[in-house]
Amino acid sequence: MKAIRLRHPFGLEYLEHVDIADPGPPGVGEIRVRLHASSLNAHDLAVVQGQLPTEDGRIPLSDGAGVVEAVGDGVHEFAVGDHVVSTFFPKWLTGGPGPLAAGFATTPGDGIDGYACELAVRSASAFTHAPRGWSHQEAATLTTAGLTAWRALVVAGGLKPGDTVLTLGTGGVSVFALQLAKAAGATVITTSSSEEKLARTAALGADHGINYRQYPEWSKQVLEITGGRGVDHVVEVGGPGTLTQSMRSARVGGHIALIGALTGFADVVPTVELMLRQQRVTGIGVGSRQHQLDLIRAVEATNLRPVIDRSFALDQLADAFRLQLAGGHFGKIGINY
């Protein structure tokens, strides 16, 4: 079968197109999946660029969606022909994040081979059913970006109608967060350096947009919009370079879901200000299989559909990552097989 492997010393130029052996029939408790789609995430890019170390020859990509071709003994949740989508942490099934003690050791495309290939044989618990009526490309956006936004706002944040949500940028997690917040009856403020992208967030229902190039201290605009109160939730994907502004944008007692580090890995955090504002900062690392099942029920109930900016063929994976690096996309970048 066709696959892509990442070779040492890593980087886009070391993505190798190969033919590898068919994985064979599923064993006890396993399913065999014909993969049709994936999508790109910051985590995938970090692995490919060598920022997150992995083994030489690793098959990248954490997201995978396709059709069940065979089921092993003891599998009752799936049948041949079912449309499925992978989970980011195959061993974190439910409950708190205790299974994450091993880091990314069991994460596809990182600690184990991912889904930049045509076939996969995995434990049945490594997949869930895809949302009804969704294409494979749409389903493949849920594993990482969709679930991260869901856990940030709903699971950790307790999002409710009438809340105000601030999303940063227009990548996959932020656009999903915008859609989920609007579906829940929240007011949404978005940021971007592009007026065109702000117009697109408005078309998705964003109530306010702030150009952070025009307003580098954009927390002042957030406070102005909210009458000095601040927002209930911040979906913080920037990291050190934006965290202070996010803190100053959130209300006293507000929630900041700390997800990404797009601006780097180290900075000075105004801890006294955080303490005085009594804000809650939650580190978010995607979510459990049960969280994904809950998310799928929610998107089916609300008719939410993901935003896919552009799709590439599997053999164009390096070009897809180049688009991601350039930051020219809005929402998700898809990979079709």
Protein backbone atom coordinates (compact mmCIF):
# COMPACT_ATOMS: atom_id res chain seq x y z
CA MET A 1 0.00 0.00 0.00
CA LYS A 2 1.04 3.61 -0.48
CA ALA A 3 2.31 5.56 2.51
CA ILE A 4 4.52 8.46 3.47
CA ARG A 5 7.38 8.05 5.92
CA LEU A 6 9.34 10.74 7.72
CA ARG A 7 13.08 10.17 7.53
CA HIS A 8 15.88 11.46 9.74
CA PRO A 9 16.93 14.28 10.20
CA PHE A 10 13.31 15.35 9.51
CA GLY A 11 11.81 18.28 7.65
CA LEU A 12 9.48 18.62 4.67
CA GLU A 13 12.21 17.48 2.28
CA TYR A 14 12.45 14.20 4.21
CA LEU A 15 8.86 13.08 3.61
CA GLU A 16 9.38 9.90 1.58
CA HIS A 17 6.74 8.29 -0.65
CA VAL A 18 6.92 4.52 -0.24
CA ASP A 19 5.08 1.26 -0.86
CA ILE A 20 4.78 -0.79 2.32
CA ALA A 21 3.28 -4.16 3.18
CA ASP A 22 -0.45 -4.57 3.64
CA PRO A 23 -1.14 -4.69 7.40
CA GLY A 24 -3.19 -7.87 7.00
CA PRO A 25 -6.38 -8.93 8.75
CA PRO A 26 -7.45 -7.54 12.13
CA GLY A 27 -6.70 -9.50 15.27
CA VAL A 28 -8.85 -9.91 18.35
CA GLY A 29 -10.41 -6.57 19.30
CA GLU A 30 -9.10 -4.85 16.16
CA ILE A 31 -10.57 -3.34 13.00
CA ARG A 32 -9.09 -2.89 9.55
CA VAL A 33 -9.80 0.55 8.07
CA ARG A 34 -9.44 1.74 4.49
CA LEU A 35 -8.34 5.35 5.01
CA HIS A 36 -9.67 8.11 2.78
CA ALA A 37 -8.77 11.39 4.49
CA SER A 38 -6.71 13.21 7.08
CA SER A 39 -6.18 16.84 8.09
CA LEU A 40 -3.19 18.87 9.25
CA ASN A 41 -2.57 20.17 12.74
CA ALA A 42 0.18 22.13 14.48
CA HIS A 43 1.17 18.89 16.20
CA ASP A 44 1.74 17.15 12.84
CA LEU A 45 3.90 20.00 11.60
CA ALA A 46 5.97 19.96 14.80
CA VAL A 47 6.64 16.23 14.34
CA VAL A 48 7.58 16.59 10.68
CA GLN A 49 9.94 19.48 11.43
CA GLY A 50 11.65 17.57 14.22
CA GLN A 51 10.39 19.81 17.02
CA LEU A 52 8.69 16.78 18.59
CA PRO A 53 11.12 13.88 18.32
CA THR A 54 9.95 10.60 16.81
CA GLU A 55 11.46 7.51 15.24
CA ASP A 56 13.13 7.51 11.85
CA GLY A 57 10.65 6.16 9.31
CA ARG A 58 7.54 7.23 11.21
CA ILE A 59 4.30 7.47 9.21
CA PRO A 60 2.94 10.94 10.15
CA LEU A 61 -0.56 12.41 10.68
CA SER A 62 -2.72 11.96 13.75
CA ASP A 63 -6.11 12.31 12.05
CA GLY A 64 -7.60 9.53 9.97
CA ALA A 65 -11.05 8.80 8.56
CA GLY A 66 -12.26 5.95 6.40
CA VAL A 67 -14.33 2.79 6.07
CA VAL A 68 -14.15 -0.43 8.09
CA GLU A 69 -13.10 -3.31 5.82
CA ALA A 70 -12.97 -6.07 8.43
CA VAL A 71 -13.53 -6.60 12.14
CA GLY A 72 -11.67 -8.95 14.45
CA ASP A 73 -13.10 -11.31 17.01
CA GLY A 74 -14.69 -9.61 19.98
CA VAL A 75 -15.53 -6.37 18.14
CA HIS A 76 -19.21 -5.48 18.46
CA GLU A 77 -19.21 -1.67 18.11
CA PHE A 78 -18.31 -1.66 14.40
CA ALA A 79 -19.35 -3.54 11.28
CA VAL A 80 -17.94 -3.77 7.78
CA GLY A 81 -18.87 -0.62 5.85
CA ASP A 82 -19.05 1.70 8.87
CA HIS A 83 -17.54 5.15 8.45
CA VAL A 84 -15.06 5.85 11.26
CA VAL A 85 -12.66 8.51 12.50
CA SER A 86 -9.55 8.04 14.63
CA THR A 87 -8.89 9.22 18.19
CA PHE A 88 -5.82 11.24 19.19
CA PHE A 89 -5.14 9.29 22.41
CA PRO A 90 -6.18 5.67 21.68
CA LYS A 91 -5.69 4.62 25.31
CA TRP A 92 -7.51 7.58 26.90
CA LEU A 93 -11.03 6.25 26.72
CA THR A 94 -12.83 8.19 29.46
CA GLY A 95 -12.32 10.00 32.76
CA GLY A 96 -9.51 12.42 33.58
CA PRO A 97 -6.24 12.76 31.67
CA GLY A 98 -4.34 10.20 33.76
CA PRO A 99 -3.39 8.08 30.70
CA LEU A 100 -1.47 11.08 29.32
CA ALA A 101 1.42 10.45 31.75
CA ALA A 102 3.27 8.77 28.88
CA GLY A 103 2.91 11.90 26.72
CA PHE A 104 2.54 11.19 23.00
CA ALA A 105 3.77 7.58 23.26
CA THR A 106 0.53 6.19 21.84
CA THR A 107 -0.47 9.13 19.64
CA PRO A 108 -0.67 8.22 15.93
CA GLY A 109 1.84 10.07 13.80
CA ASP A 110 4.06 10.65 16.83
CA GLY A 111 4.68 7.79 19.27
CA ILE A 112 3.25 5.25 16.81
CA ASP A 113 2.64 5.27 13.07
CA GLY A 114 -0.10 7.61 11.92
CA TYR A 115 -2.54 7.77 9.05
CA ALA A 116 -0.55 9.02 6.04
CA CYS A 117 -1.23 5.62 4.46
CA GLU A 118 -4.04 3.74 2.76
CA LEU A 119 -4.78 1.05 5.35
CA ALA A 120 -4.58 0.70 9.11
CA VAL A 121 -5.25 -2.14 11.52
CA ARG A 122 -5.81 -0.82 15.02
CA SER A 123 -7.68 -1.52 18.23
CA ALA A 124 -11.37 -0.81 17.80
CA SER A 125 -11.09 1.71 20.65
CA ALA A 126 -8.72 3.78 18.47
CA PHE A 127 -11.72 4.86 16.35
CA THR A 128 -15.26 6.14 16.79
CA HIS A 129 -18.13 6.26 14.33
CA ALA A 130 -17.96 9.34 12.11
CA PRO A 131 -20.82 11.87 12.24
CA ARG A 132 -23.78 10.83 10.12
CA GLY A 133 -23.77 12.38 6.67
CA TRP A 134 -20.24 13.77 6.90
CA SER A 135 -17.66 13.15 4.20
CA HIS A 136 -14.41 11.43 5.16
CA GLN A 137 -12.63 14.76 4.75
CA GLU A 138 -15.02 16.46 7.14
CA ALA A 139 -14.78 13.64 9.69
CA ALA A 140 -10.98 13.80 9.66
CA THR A 141 -11.10 17.33 11.11
CA LEU A 142 -12.55 16.12 14.43
CA THR A 143 -9.73 14.03 15.88
CA THR A 144 -7.49 16.92 16.92
CA ALA A 145 -8.86 20.39 16.11
CA GLY A 146 -12.55 19.76 16.67
CA LEU A 147 -12.04 17.83 19.89
CA THR A 148 -9.57 20.38 21.26
CA ALA A 149 -12.08 23.19 20.76
CA TRP A 150 -14.86 21.09 22.31
CA ARG A 151 -12.86 20.24 25.41
CA ALA A 152 -11.62 23.83 25.78
CA LEU A 153 -15.08 25.36 25.76
CA VAL A 154 -17.54 22.69 26.85
CA VAL A 155 -15.69 20.14 28.98
CA ALA A 156 -13.21 22.43 30.74
CA GLY A 157 -14.98 25.74 30.26
CA GLY A 158 -18.60 24.81 30.96
CA LEU A 159 -19.78 26.95 28.03
CA LYS A 160 -23.41 28.03 28.29
CA PRO A 161 -25.80 30.27 26.33
CA GLY A 162 -25.12 33.96 26.87
CA ASP A 163 -21.39 33.52 27.50
CA THR A 164 -18.83 35.58 25.61
CA VAL A 165 -15.94 33.78 23.91
CA LEU A 166 -12.69 35.17 22.50
CA THR A 167 -10.93 33.14 19.80
CA LEU A 168 -7.44 33.94 18.53
CA GLY A 169 -6.65 33.64 14.83
CA THR A 170 -8.42 31.57 12.21
CA GLY A 171 -6.75 28.16 12.33
CA GLY A 172 -8.57 24.89 12.74
CA VAL A 173 -9.09 24.99 16.51
CA SER A 174 -10.14 28.65 16.55
CA VAL A 175 -12.66 28.29 13.73
CA PHE A 176 -14.13 25.17 15.36
CA ALA A 177 -14.36 27.10 18.65
CA LEU A 178 -16.20 29.92 16.90
CA GLN A 179 -18.70 27.47 15.41
CA LEU A 180 -19.25 25.56 18.65
CA ALA A 181 -19.67 28.77 20.65
CA LYS A 182 -22.27 30.15 18.25
CA ALA A 183 -24.11 26.81 18.24
CA ALA A 184 -24.27 27.08 22.05
CA GLY A 185 -25.74 30.60 21.95
CA ALA A 186 -22.58 32.51 22.91
CA THR A 187 -21.28 35.87 21.72
CA VAL A 188 -17.96 35.52 19.89
CA ILE A 189 -15.08 37.94 19.41
CA THR A 190 -12.37 36.89 16.95
CA THR A 191 -8.91 38.22 16.15
CA SER A 192 -6.86 38.10 12.96
CA SER A 193 -4.27 40.16 11.11
CA SER A 194 -6.36 39.87 7.92
CA GLU A 195 -9.50 41.88 7.25
CA GLU A 196 -10.50 39.26 4.69
CA LYS A 197 -10.32 36.52 7.33
CA LEU A 198 -12.26 38.66 9.81
CA ALA A 199 -14.97 38.99 7.17
CA ARG A 200 -15.05 35.21 6.90
CA THR A 201 -15.41 34.82 10.67
CA ALA A 202 -18.30 37.30 10.55
CA ALA A 203 -19.94 35.15 7.86
CA LEU A 204 -19.69 32.21 10.28
CA GLY A 205 -21.47 34.23 12.95
CA ALA A 206 -18.69 36.05 14.82
CA ASP A 207 -20.20 39.11 16.51
CA HIS A 208 -17.01 41.19 16.61
CA GLY A 209 -13.61 41.09 14.91
CA ILE A 210 -10.34 42.72 15.96
CA ASN A 211 -7.31 43.19 13.70
CA TYR A 212 -4.37 42.58 16.02
CA ARG A 213 -1.96 44.28 13.60
CA GLN A 214 -3.99 47.44 13.93
CA TYR A 215 -4.48 46.96 17.68
CA PRO A 216 -1.40 45.24 19.18
CA GLU A 217 -2.89 45.61 22.69
CA TRP A 218 -6.14 44.05 21.57
CA SER A 219 -7.33 43.40 25.11
CA LYS A 220 -8.34 47.08 25.22
CA GLN A 221 -10.70 46.51 22.28
CA VAL A 222 -12.09 43.37 23.95
CA LEU A 223 -12.82 45.33 27.13
CA GLU A 224 -14.43 48.10 25.11
CA ILE A 225 -16.67 45.60 23.31
CA THR A 226 -17.68 43.94 26.59
CA GLY A 227 -18.31 47.20 28.46
CA GLY A 228 -15.24 46.72 30.65
CA ARG A 229 -16.28 43.27 31.90
CA GLY A 230 -14.10 41.02 29.76
CA VAL A 231 -14.98 37.68 28.17
CA ASP A 232 -15.98 34.49 29.93
CA HIS A 233 -13.73 32.24 27.84
CA VAL A 234 -10.51 32.66 25.87
CA VAL A 235 -9.39 29.98 23.42
CA GLU A 236 -5.67 30.69 23.74
CA VAL A 237 -3.69 29.16 20.88
CA GLY A 238 -0.87 31.69 20.68
CA GLY A 239 1.01 30.88 23.87
CA PRO A 240 3.60 33.16 25.47
CA GLY A 241 3.26 36.02 22.99
CA THR A 242 -0.49 36.37 23.51
CA LEU A 243 -1.19 35.01 27.00
CA THR A 244 -0.91 38.37 28.79
CA GLN A 245 -3.35 39.98 26.38
CA SER A 246 -5.68 37.00 26.81
CA MET A 247 -5.57 37.37 30.60
CA ARG A 248 -6.41 41.06 30.31
CA SER A 249 -9.26 40.22 27.93
CA ALA A 250 -10.89 37.75 30.30
CA ARG A 251 -13.24 38.81 33.06
CA VAL A 252 -12.48 38.42 36.73
CA GLY A 253 -12.92 34.70 37.36
CA GLY A 254 -12.88 33.96 33.63
CA HIS A 255 -11.52 30.84 31.96
CA ILE A 256 -8.50 30.66 29.65
CA ALA A 257 -8.04 27.42 27.73
CA LEU A 258 -4.30 27.22 27.03
CA ILE A 259 -3.91 25.16 23.88
CA GLY A 260 -1.06 26.23 21.63
CA ALA A 261 2.36 27.78 21.54
CA LEU A 262 2.36 29.38 18.11
CA THR A 263 4.36 32.35 19.41
CA GLY A 264 7.05 30.31 21.19
CA PHE A 265 7.66 28.39 24.37
CA ALA A 266 8.91 30.87 26.98
CA ASP A 267 7.78 34.24 28.32
CA VAL A 268 7.17 36.15 31.52
CA VAL A 269 3.61 35.60 32.79
CA PRO A 270 2.14 38.30 35.08
CA THR A 271 1.25 35.85 37.84
CA VAL A 272 0.19 38.55 40.33
CA GLU A 273 -2.28 39.91 37.80
CA LEU A 274 -3.57 36.41 37.17
CA MET A 275 -4.02 35.85 40.90
CA LEU A 276 -5.78 39.16 41.51
CA ARG A 277 -8.14 38.52 38.61
CA GLN A 278 -8.80 35.01 40.00
CA GLN A 279 -8.78 33.54 36.53
CA ARG A 280 -8.62 29.85 35.73
CA VAL A 281 -6.07 28.67 33.16
CA THR A 282 -6.55 25.12 31.91
CA GLY A 283 -3.96 23.32 29.84
CA ILE A 284 -5.80 21.49 27.04
CA GLY A 285 -4.34 18.43 25.33
CA VAL A 286 -7.06 17.32 22.88
CA GLY A 287 -9.45 14.93 24.71
CA SER A 288 -10.62 11.39 25.45
CA ARG A 289 -12.56 8.97 23.29
CA GLN A 290 -15.68 9.73 25.34
CA HIS A 291 -15.20 13.44 24.73
CA GLN A 292 -15.09 12.67 21.00
CA LEU A 293 -18.31 10.68 21.20
CA ASP A 294 -19.96 13.62 22.99
CA LEU A 295 -18.67 16.05 20.35
CA ILE A 296 -20.05 13.89 17.54
CA ARG A 297 -23.50 13.87 19.14
CA ALA A 298 -23.30 17.66 19.42
CA VAL A 299 -22.36 18.30 15.78
CA GLU A 300 -25.09 15.93 14.60
CA ALA A 301 -27.67 17.71 16.76
CA THR A 302 -26.65 21.21 15.62
CA ASN A 303 -25.87 20.42 11.95
CA LEU A 304 -22.44 21.98 12.39
CA ARG A 305 -20.05 21.30 9.50
CA PRO A 306 -16.30 21.99 9.58
CA VAL A 307 -14.57 24.62 7.46
CA ILE A 308 -11.99 23.09 5.10
CA ASP A 309 -9.94 25.73 3.34
CA ARG A 310 -8.19 23.50 0.82
CA SER A 311 -7.52 19.82 0.22
CA PHE A 312 -4.42 18.06 -1.13
CA ALA A 313 -3.72 14.55 -2.35
CA LEU A 314 -1.58 12.32 -0.12
CA ASP A 315 1.39 12.65 -2.48
CA GLN A 316 1.12 16.46 -2.09
CA LEU A 317 1.58 16.31 1.69
CA ALA A 318 4.69 18.50 1.67
CA ASP A 319 2.82 21.19 -0.29
CA ALA A 320 -0.01 21.03 2.24
CA PHE A 321 2.44 21.60 5.08
CA ARG A 322 3.94 24.55 3.18
CA LEU A 323 0.52 26.18 3.06
CA GLN A 324 0.18 25.58 6.79
CA LEU A 325 3.60 27.14 7.42
CA ALA A 326 2.64 30.21 5.38
CA GLY A 327 -0.47 30.71 7.51
CA GLY A 328 -2.58 31.36 4.46
CA HIS A 329 -5.38 28.96 5.36
CA PHE A 330 -8.70 29.55 7.12
CA GLY A 331 -9.94 26.61 9.15
CA LYS A 332 -8.59 23.19 8.22
CA ILE A 333 -6.24 21.87 5.54
CA GLY A 334 -7.41 18.49 4.29
CA ILE A 335 -5.63 15.47 2.84
CA ASN A 336 -7.56 13.14 0.51
CA TYR A 337 -6.45 9.62 -0.47
